[in-house]
Amino acid sequence: MAGIRRSYGLYPVNKDPWIATWRVYDQAVIEMMSGSSAAAVATLSGLMDRQTDVISPAILASSPVFAPLRGRGDFQALLAEHH
């Protein structure tokens, strides 16, 4: 996670919203893969609040990347909130 935070300093996310969106997406995937599922859901929640074509409730619900989160109540609530 330190690497992700460091990358935000190397190329500030406010310089390019498209790149920033993908960085936040990557952060959520890394959090999930490292066992920080609650943090991943929180990061995805922030990402869902942005205007983007990178992520949507349909993508979250169907992508195999996020399959490990599907059984979580907070993840299901996120999908319901943004659907």
PDB file of N, CA and C in Angstrom:
ATOM      1  N   MET A   1       0.817  -1.191   0.000  1.00  0.00           N
ATOM      2  CA  MET A   1       0.000   0.000   0.000  1.00  0.00           C
ATOM      3  C   MET A   1       0.863   1.257   0.000  1.00  0.00           C
ATOM      4  N   ALA A   2       2.025   1.137   0.588  1.00  0.00           N
ATOM      5  CA  ALA A   2       2.906   2.305   0.599  1.00  0.00           C
ATOM      6  C   ALA A   2       3.288   2.707  -0.820  1.00  0.00           C
ATOM      7  N   GLY A   3       3.446   1.724  -1.691  1.00  0.00           N
ATOM      8  CA  GLY A   3       3.784   2.008  -3.079  1.00  0.00           C
ATOM      9  C   GLY A   3       2.685   2.775  -3.800  1.00  0.00           C
ATOM     10  N   ILE A   4       1.452   2.406  -3.531  1.00  0.00           N
ATOM     11  CA  ILE A   4       0.320   3.125  -4.140  1.00  0.00           C
ATOM     12  C   ILE A   4       0.311   4.566  -3.655  1.00  0.00           C
ATOM     13  N   ARG A   5       0.454   4.740  -2.353  1.00  0.00           N
ATOM     14  CA  ARG A   5       0.449   6.110  -1.807  1.00  0.00           C
ATOM     15  C   ARG A   5       1.615   6.922  -2.366  1.00  0.00           C
ATOM     16  N   ARG A   6       2.758   6.288  -2.522  1.00  0.00           N
ATOM     17  CA  ARG A   6       3.921   6.980  -3.080  1.00  0.00           C
ATOM     18  C   ARG A   6       3.649   7.395  -4.528  1.00  0.00           C
ATOM     19  N   SER A   7       2.968   6.536  -5.274  1.00  0.00           N
ATOM     20  CA  SER A   7       2.689   6.867  -6.677  1.00  0.00           C
ATOM     21  C   SER A   7       1.787   8.088  -6.786  1.00  0.00           C
ATOM     22  N   TYR A   8       0.899   8.283  -5.800  1.00  0.00           N
ATOM     23  CA  TYR A   8       0.047   9.470  -5.817  1.00  0.00           C
ATOM     24  C   TYR A   8       0.893  10.740  -5.715  1.00  0.00           C
ATOM     25  N   GLY A   9       2.000  10.660  -5.001  1.00  0.00           N
ATOM     26  CA  GLY A   9       2.890  11.809  -4.884  1.00  0.00           C
ATOM     27  C   GLY A   9       3.743  12.026  -6.122  1.00  0.00           C
ATOM     28  N   LEU A  10       4.124  10.944  -6.786  1.00  0.00           N
ATOM     29  CA  LEU A  10       4.964  11.053  -7.969  1.00  0.00           C
ATOM     30  C   LEU A  10       4.211  11.656  -9.152  1.00  0.00           C
ATOM     31  N   TYR A  11       2.969  11.298  -9.267  1.00  0.00           N
ATOM     32  CA  TYR A  11       2.123  11.846 -10.339  1.00  0.00           C
ATOM     33  C   TYR A  11       0.772  12.125  -9.708  1.00  0.00           C
ATOM     34  N   PRO A  12       0.577  13.333  -9.209  1.00  0.00           N
ATOM     35  CA  PRO A  12      -0.648  13.655  -8.466  1.00  0.00           C
ATOM     36  C   PRO A  12      -1.909  13.307  -9.243  1.00  0.00           C
ATOM     37  N   VAL A  13      -2.861  12.716  -8.536  1.00  0.00           N
ATOM     38  CA  VAL A  13      -4.081  12.243  -9.180  1.00  0.00           C
ATOM     39  C   VAL A  13      -4.909  13.370  -9.781  1.00  0.00           C
ATOM     40  N   ASN A  14      -4.703  14.589  -9.331  1.00  0.00           N
ATOM     41  CA  ASN A  14      -5.477  15.701  -9.894  1.00  0.00           C
ATOM     42  C   ASN A  14      -4.936  16.160 -11.253  1.00  0.00           C
ATOM     43  N   LYS A  15      -3.800  15.610 -11.697  1.00  0.00           N
ATOM     44  CA  LYS A  15      -3.250  15.982 -13.005  1.00  0.00           C
ATOM     45  C   LYS A  15      -4.007  15.329 -14.150  1.00  0.00           C
ATOM     46  N   ASP A  16      -4.534  14.135 -13.923  1.00  0.00           N
ATOM     47  CA  ASP A  16      -5.211  13.405 -14.981  1.00  0.00           C
ATOM     48  C   ASP A  16      -6.293  12.524 -14.365  1.00  0.00           C
ATOM     49  N   PRO A  17      -7.552  12.935 -14.453  1.00  0.00           N
ATOM     50  CA  PRO A  17      -8.632  12.171 -13.814  1.00  0.00           C
ATOM     51  C   PRO A  17      -8.738  10.728 -14.298  1.00  0.00           C
ATOM     52  N   TRP A  18      -8.435  10.478 -15.560  1.00  0.00           N
ATOM     53  CA  TRP A  18      -8.525   9.120 -16.080  1.00  0.00           C
ATOM     54  C   TRP A  18      -7.498   8.215 -15.411  1.00  0.00           C
ATOM     55  N   ILE A  19      -6.259   8.687 -15.339  1.00  0.00           N
ATOM     56  CA  ILE A  19      -5.210   7.914 -14.678  1.00  0.00           C
ATOM     57  C   ILE A  19      -5.524   7.765 -13.193  1.00  0.00           C
ATOM     58  N   ALA A  20      -6.026   8.813 -12.586  1.00  0.00           N
ATOM     59  CA  ALA A  20      -6.380   8.762 -11.166  1.00  0.00           C
ATOM     60  C   ALA A  20      -7.427   7.683 -10.901  1.00  0.00           C
ATOM     61  N   THR A  21      -8.395   7.582 -11.784  1.00  0.00           N
ATOM     62  CA  THR A  21      -9.439   6.571 -11.621  1.00  0.00           C
ATOM     63  C   THR A  21      -8.846   5.169 -11.654  1.00  0.00           C
ATOM     64  N   TRP A  22      -7.947   4.926 -12.579  1.00  0.00           N
ATOM     65  CA  TRP A  22      -7.328   3.605 -12.661  1.00  0.00           C
ATOM     66  C   TRP A  22      -6.433   3.331 -11.456  1.00  0.00           C
ATOM     67  N   ARG A  23      -5.771   4.344 -10.952  1.00  0.00           N
ATOM     68  CA  ARG A  23      -4.956   4.143  -9.746  1.00  0.00           C
ATOM     69  C   ARG A  23      -5.813   3.742  -8.560  1.00  0.00           C
ATOM     70  N   VAL A  24      -6.952   4.380  -8.407  1.00  0.00           N
ATOM     71  CA  VAL A  24      -7.855   4.043  -7.303  1.00  0.00           C
ATOM     72  C   VAL A  24      -8.410   2.631  -7.504  1.00  0.00           C
ATOM     73  N   TYR A  25      -8.732   2.280  -8.731  1.00  0.00           N
ATOM     74  CA  TYR A  25      -9.179   0.920  -9.046  1.00  0.00           C
ATOM     75  C   TYR A  25      -8.099  -0.083  -8.639  1.00  0.00           C
ATOM     76  N   ASP A  26      -6.864   0.182  -9.064  1.00  0.00           N
ATOM     77  CA  ASP A  26      -5.751  -0.704  -8.706  1.00  0.00           C
ATOM     78  C   ASP A  26      -5.583  -0.800  -7.196  1.00  0.00           C
ATOM     79  N   GLN A  27      -5.754   0.312  -6.505  1.00  0.00           N
ATOM     80  CA  GLN A  27      -5.649   0.313  -5.051  1.00  0.00           C
ATOM     81  C   GLN A  27      -6.682  -0.638  -4.441  1.00  0.00           C
ATOM     82  N   ALA A  28      -7.914  -0.590  -4.934  1.00  0.00           N
ATOM     83  CA  ALA A  28      -8.965  -1.467  -4.418  1.00  0.00           C
ATOM     84  C   ALA A  28      -8.617  -2.937  -4.663  1.00  0.00           C
ATOM     85  N   VAL A  29      -8.095  -3.245  -5.844  1.00  0.00           N
ATOM     86  CA  VAL A  29      -7.721  -4.629  -6.150  1.00  0.00           C
ATOM     87  C   VAL A  29      -6.594  -5.091  -5.226  1.00  0.00           C
ATOM     88  N   ILE A  30      -5.603  -4.254  -5.022  1.00  0.00           N
ATOM     89  CA  ILE A  30      -4.482  -4.609  -4.144  1.00  0.00           C
ATOM     90  C   ILE A  30      -4.960  -4.796  -2.715  1.00  0.00           C
ATOM     91  N   GLU A  31      -5.823  -3.908  -2.247  1.00  0.00           N
ATOM     92  CA  GLU A  31      -6.373  -4.060  -0.892  1.00  0.00           C
ATOM     93  C   GLU A  31      -7.112  -5.384  -0.757  1.00  0.00           C
ATOM     94  N   MET A  32      -7.917  -5.712  -1.740  1.00  0.00           N
ATOM     95  CA  MET A  32      -8.670  -6.957  -1.702  1.00  0.00           C
ATOM     96  C   MET A  32      -7.721  -8.158  -1.696  1.00  0.00           C
ATOM     97  N   MET A  33      -6.732  -8.138  -2.569  1.00  0.00           N
ATOM     98  CA  MET A  33      -5.807  -9.262  -2.686  1.00  0.00           C
ATOM     99  C   MET A  33      -4.924  -9.429  -1.455  1.00  0.00           C
ATOM    100  N   SER A  34      -4.713  -8.349  -0.730  1.00  0.00           N
ATOM    101  CA  SER A  34      -3.868  -8.422   0.465  1.00  0.00           C
ATOM    102  C   SER A  34      -4.682  -8.711   1.727  1.00  0.00           C
ATOM    103  N   GLY A  35      -5.976  -8.962   1.564  1.00  0.00           N
ATOM    104  CA  GLY A  35      -6.801  -9.328   2.707  1.00  0.00           C
ATOM    105  C   GLY A  35      -7.497  -8.175   3.388  1.00  0.00           C
ATOM    106  N   SER A  36      -7.360  -6.976   2.853  1.00  0.00           N
ATOM    107  CA  SER A  36      -8.010  -5.801   3.435  1.00  0.00           C
ATOM    108  C   SER A  36      -9.326  -5.541   2.709  1.00  0.00           C
ATOM    109  N   SER A  37     -10.244  -6.495   2.828  1.00  0.00           N
ATOM    110  CA  SER A  37     -11.496  -6.425   2.076  1.00  0.00           C
ATOM    111  C   SER A  37     -12.336  -5.209   2.433  1.00  0.00           C
ATOM    112  N   ALA A  38     -12.399  -4.867   3.709  1.00  0.00           N
ATOM    113  CA  ALA A  38     -13.183  -3.698   4.113  1.00  0.00           C
ATOM    114  C   ALA A  38     -12.611  -2.428   3.489  1.00  0.00           C
ATOM    115  N   ALA A  39     -11.285  -2.331   3.452  1.00  0.00           N
ATOM    116  CA  ALA A  39     -10.646  -1.168   2.828  1.00  0.00           C
ATOM    117  C   ALA A  39     -10.924  -1.157   1.325  1.00  0.00           C
ATOM    118  N   ALA A  40     -10.922  -2.326   0.691  1.00  0.00           N
ATOM    119  CA  ALA A  40     -11.201  -2.411  -0.741  1.00  0.00           C
ATOM    120  C   ALA A  40     -12.617  -1.924  -1.043  1.00  0.00           C
ATOM    121  N   VAL A  41     -13.576  -2.334  -0.224  1.00  0.00           N
ATOM    122  CA  VAL A  41     -14.959  -1.903  -0.437  1.00  0.00           C
ATOM    123  C   VAL A  41     -15.070  -0.392  -0.240  1.00  0.00           C
ATOM    124  N   ALA A  42     -14.382   0.136   0.768  1.00  0.00           N
ATOM    125  CA  ALA A  42     -14.406   1.585   0.996  1.00  0.00           C
ATOM    126  C   ALA A  42     -13.787   2.330  -0.184  1.00  0.00           C
ATOM    127  N   THR A  43     -12.695   1.812  -0.725  1.00  0.00           N
ATOM    128  CA  THR A  43     -12.061   2.435  -1.885  1.00  0.00           C
ATOM    129  C   THR A  43     -12.984   2.375  -3.098  1.00  0.00           C
ATOM    130  N   LEU A  44     -13.632   1.235  -3.305  1.00  0.00           N
ATOM    131  CA  LEU A  44     -14.580   1.109  -4.417  1.00  0.00           C
ATOM    132  C   LEU A  44     -15.763   2.053  -4.248  1.00  0.00           C
ATOM    133  N   SER A  45     -16.181   2.257  -3.017  1.00  0.00           N
ATOM    134  CA  SER A  45     -17.275   3.185  -2.754  1.00  0.00           C
ATOM    135  C   SER A  45     -16.901   4.594  -3.204  1.00  0.00           C
ATOM    136  N   GLY A  46     -15.696   5.016  -2.865  1.00  0.00           N
ATOM    137  CA  GLY A  46     -15.227   6.327  -3.316  1.00  0.00           C
ATOM    138  C   GLY A  46     -15.120   6.399  -4.828  1.00  0.00           C
ATOM    139  N   LEU A  47     -14.699   5.310  -5.437  1.00  0.00           N
ATOM    140  CA  LEU A  47     -14.595   5.271  -6.891  1.00  0.00           C
ATOM    141  C   LEU A  47     -15.963   5.353  -7.549  1.00  0.00           C
ATOM    142  N   MET A  48     -16.952   4.719  -6.946  1.00  0.00           N
ATOM    143  CA  MET A  48     -18.307   4.739  -7.496  1.00  0.00           C
ATOM    144  C   MET A  48     -18.926   6.136  -7.426  1.00  0.00           C
ATOM    145  N   ASP A  49     -18.420   6.978  -6.537  1.00  0.00           N
ATOM    146  CA  ASP A  49     -18.931   8.339  -6.417  1.00  0.00           C
ATOM    147  C   ASP A  49     -18.409   9.254  -7.525  1.00  0.00           C
ATOM    148  N   ARG A  50     -17.442   8.785  -8.298  1.00  0.00           N
ATOM    149  CA  ARG A  50     -16.884   9.576  -9.399  1.00  0.00           C
ATOM    150  C   ARG A  50     -17.671   9.317 -10.683  1.00  0.00           C
ATOM    151  N   GLN A  51     -17.607  10.268 -11.596  1.00  0.00           N
ATOM    152  CA  GLN A  51     -18.163  10.066 -12.930  1.00  0.00           C
ATOM    153  C   GLN A  51     -17.104   9.338 -13.747  1.00  0.00           C
ATOM    154  N   THR A  52     -17.320   8.061 -14.002  1.00  0.00           N
ATOM    155  CA  THR A  52     -16.323   7.278 -14.714  1.00  0.00           C
ATOM    156  C   THR A  52     -16.971   6.126 -15.464  1.00  0.00           C
ATOM    157  N   ASP A  53     -16.309   5.690 -16.522  1.00  0.00           N
ATOM    158  CA  ASP A  53     -16.764   4.497 -17.221  1.00  0.00           C
ATOM    159  C   ASP A  53     -15.916   3.287 -16.847  1.00  0.00           C
ATOM    160  N   VAL A  54     -15.009   3.473 -15.910  1.00  0.00           N
ATOM    161  CA  VAL A  54     -14.123   2.404 -15.478  1.00  0.00           C
ATOM    162  C   VAL A  54     -14.867   1.375 -14.633  1.00  0.00           C
ATOM    163  N   ILE A  55     -15.788   1.832 -13.833  1.00  0.00           N
ATOM    164  CA  ILE A  55     -16.452   0.953 -12.875  1.00  0.00           C
ATOM    165  C   ILE A  55     -17.939   1.278 -12.815  1.00  0.00           C
ATOM    166  N   SER A  56     -18.719   0.257 -12.616  1.00  0.00           N
ATOM    167  CA  SER A  56     -20.163   0.413 -12.478  1.00  0.00           C
ATOM    168  C   SER A  56     -20.660  -0.742 -11.620  1.00  0.00           C
ATOM    169  N   PRO A  57     -21.884  -0.656 -11.131  1.00  0.00           N
ATOM    170  CA  PRO A  57     -22.416  -1.789 -10.368  1.00  0.00           C
ATOM    171  C   PRO A  57     -22.401  -3.086 -11.187  1.00  0.00           C
ATOM    172  N   ALA A  58     -22.691  -2.991 -12.468  1.00  0.00           N
ATOM    173  CA  ALA A  58     -22.697  -4.183 -13.321  1.00  0.00           C
ATOM    174  C   ALA A  58     -21.304  -4.797 -13.431  1.00  0.00           C
ATOM    175  N   ILE A  59     -20.296  -3.954 -13.560  1.00  0.00           N
ATOM    176  CA  ILE A  59     -18.917  -4.456 -13.631  1.00  0.00           C
ATOM    177  C   ILE A  59     -18.527  -5.102 -12.310  1.00  0.00           C
ATOM    178  N   LEU A  60     -18.819  -4.437 -11.215  1.00  0.00           N
ATOM    179  CA  LEU A  60     -18.483  -5.003  -9.906  1.00  0.00           C
ATOM    180  C   LEU A  60     -19.181  -6.338  -9.677  1.00  0.00           C
ATOM    181  N   ALA A  61     -20.432  -6.436 -10.104  1.00  0.00           N
ATOM    182  CA  ALA A  61     -21.212  -7.646  -9.870  1.00  0.00           C
ATOM    183  C   ALA A  61     -20.781  -8.812 -10.755  1.00  0.00           C
ATOM    184  N   SER A  62     -20.221  -8.507 -11.924  1.00  0.00           N
ATOM    185  CA  SER A  62     -19.911  -9.583 -12.865  1.00  0.00           C
ATOM    186  C   SER A  62     -18.427  -9.879 -13.045  1.00  0.00           C
ATOM    187  N   SER A  63     -17.558  -8.965 -12.700  1.00  0.00           N
ATOM    188  CA  SER A  63     -16.129  -9.168 -12.922  1.00  0.00           C
ATOM    189  C   SER A  63     -15.569 -10.233 -11.974  1.00  0.00           C
ATOM    190  N   PRO A  64     -14.842 -11.192 -12.519  1.00  0.00           N
ATOM    191  CA  PRO A  64     -14.228 -12.201 -11.653  1.00  0.00           C
ATOM    192  C   PRO A  64     -13.178 -11.606 -10.711  1.00  0.00           C
ATOM    193  N   VAL A  65     -12.683 -10.435 -11.042  1.00  0.00           N
ATOM    194  CA  VAL A  65     -11.702  -9.765 -10.178  1.00  0.00           C
ATOM    195  C   VAL A  65     -12.280  -9.556  -8.786  1.00  0.00           C
ATOM    196  N   PHE A  66     -13.553  -9.198  -8.725  1.00  0.00           N
ATOM    197  CA  PHE A  66     -14.167  -8.862  -7.444  1.00  0.00           C
ATOM    198  C   PHE A  66     -14.973 -10.008  -6.837  1.00  0.00           C
ATOM    199  N   ALA A  67     -14.845 -11.201  -7.379  1.00  0.00           N
ATOM    200  CA  ALA A  67     -15.559 -12.366  -6.841  1.00  0.00           C
ATOM    201  C   ALA A  67     -15.304 -12.586  -5.347  1.00  0.00           C
ATOM    202  N   PRO A  68     -14.083 -12.373  -4.843  1.00  0.00           N
ATOM    203  CA  PRO A  68     -13.858 -12.584  -3.408  1.00  0.00           C
ATOM    204  C   PRO A  68     -14.674 -11.646  -2.505  1.00  0.00           C
ATOM    205  N   LEU A  69     -15.164 -10.547  -3.050  1.00  0.00           N
ATOM    206  CA  LEU A  69     -15.931  -9.591  -2.244  1.00  0.00           C
ATOM    207  C   LEU A  69     -17.436  -9.846  -2.284  1.00  0.00           C
ATOM    208  N   ARG A  70     -17.883 -10.662  -3.198  1.00  0.00           N
ATOM    209  CA  ARG A  70     -19.328 -10.808  -3.426  1.00  0.00           C
ATOM    210  C   ARG A  70     -20.112 -11.321  -2.229  1.00  0.00           C
ATOM    211  N   GLY A  71     -19.501 -12.084  -1.360  1.00  0.00           N
ATOM    212  CA  GLY A  71     -20.211 -12.605  -0.199  1.00  0.00           C
ATOM    213  C   GLY A  71     -20.273 -11.634   0.971  1.00  0.00           C
ATOM    214  N   ARG A  72     -19.660 -10.492   0.845  1.00  0.00           N
ATOM    215  CA  ARG A  72     -19.616  -9.508   1.928  1.00  0.00           C
ATOM    216  C   ARG A  72     -20.856  -8.614   1.905  1.00  0.00           C
ATOM    217  N   GLY A  73     -21.400  -8.378   3.063  1.00  0.00           N
ATOM    218  CA  GLY A  73     -22.572  -7.513   3.181  1.00  0.00           C
ATOM    219  C   GLY A  73     -22.288  -6.090   2.744  1.00  0.00           C
ATOM    220  N   ASP A  74     -21.100  -5.571   3.086  1.00  0.00           N
ATOM    221  CA  ASP A  74     -20.786  -4.190   2.716  1.00  0.00           C
ATOM    222  C   ASP A  74     -20.628  -4.046   1.198  1.00  0.00           C
ATOM    223  N   PHE A  75     -20.127  -5.080   0.548  1.00  0.00           N
ATOM    224  CA  PHE A  75     -20.005  -5.053  -0.906  1.00  0.00           C
ATOM    225  C   PHE A  75     -21.391  -5.096  -1.554  1.00  0.00           C
ATOM    226  N   GLN A  76     -22.267  -5.952  -1.047  1.00  0.00           N
ATOM    227  CA  GLN A  76     -23.629  -6.034  -1.568  1.00  0.00           C
ATOM    228  C   GLN A  76     -24.376  -4.713  -1.347  1.00  0.00           C
ATOM    229  N   ALA A  77     -24.135  -4.084  -0.195  1.00  0.00           N
ATOM    230  CA  ALA A  77     -24.757  -2.777   0.080  1.00  0.00           C
ATOM    231  C   ALA A  77     -24.245  -1.723  -0.902  1.00  0.00           C
ATOM    232  N   LEU A  78     -22.966  -1.769  -1.223  1.00  0.00           N
ATOM    233  CA  LEU A  78     -22.386  -0.840  -2.199  1.00  0.00           C
ATOM    234  C   LEU A  78     -23.068  -1.013  -3.559  1.00  0.00           C
ATOM    235  N   LEU A  79     -23.231  -2.253  -3.983  1.00  0.00           N
ATOM    236  CA  LEU A  79     -23.900  -2.509  -5.258  1.00  0.00           C
ATOM    237  C   LEU A  79     -25.334  -1.984  -5.244  1.00  0.00           C
ATOM    238  N   ALA A  80     -26.040  -2.253  -4.156  1.00  0.00           N
ATOM    239  CA  ALA A  80     -27.440  -1.806  -4.054  1.00  0.00           C
ATOM    240  C   ALA A  80     -27.544  -0.283  -4.028  1.00  0.00           C
ATOM    241  N   GLU A  81     -26.593   0.346  -3.350  1.00  0.00           N
ATOM    242  CA  GLU A  81     -26.613   1.819  -3.230  1.00  0.00           C
ATOM    243  C   GLU A  81     -26.420   2.493  -4.587  1.00  0.00           C
ATOM    244  N   HIS A  82     -25.616   1.906  -5.431  1.00  0.00           N
ATOM    245  CA  HIS A  82     -25.272   2.544  -6.705  1.00  0.00           C
ATOM    246  C   HIS A  82     -25.989   1.940  -7.901  1.00  0.00           C
ATOM    247  N   HIS A  83     -26.917   1.030  -7.641  1.00  0.00           N
ATOM    248  CA  HIS A  83     -27.628   0.386  -8.765  1.00  0.00           C
ATOM    249  C   HIS A  83     -28.874   1.130  -9.135  1.00  0.00           C
TER     250      HIS A  83
END
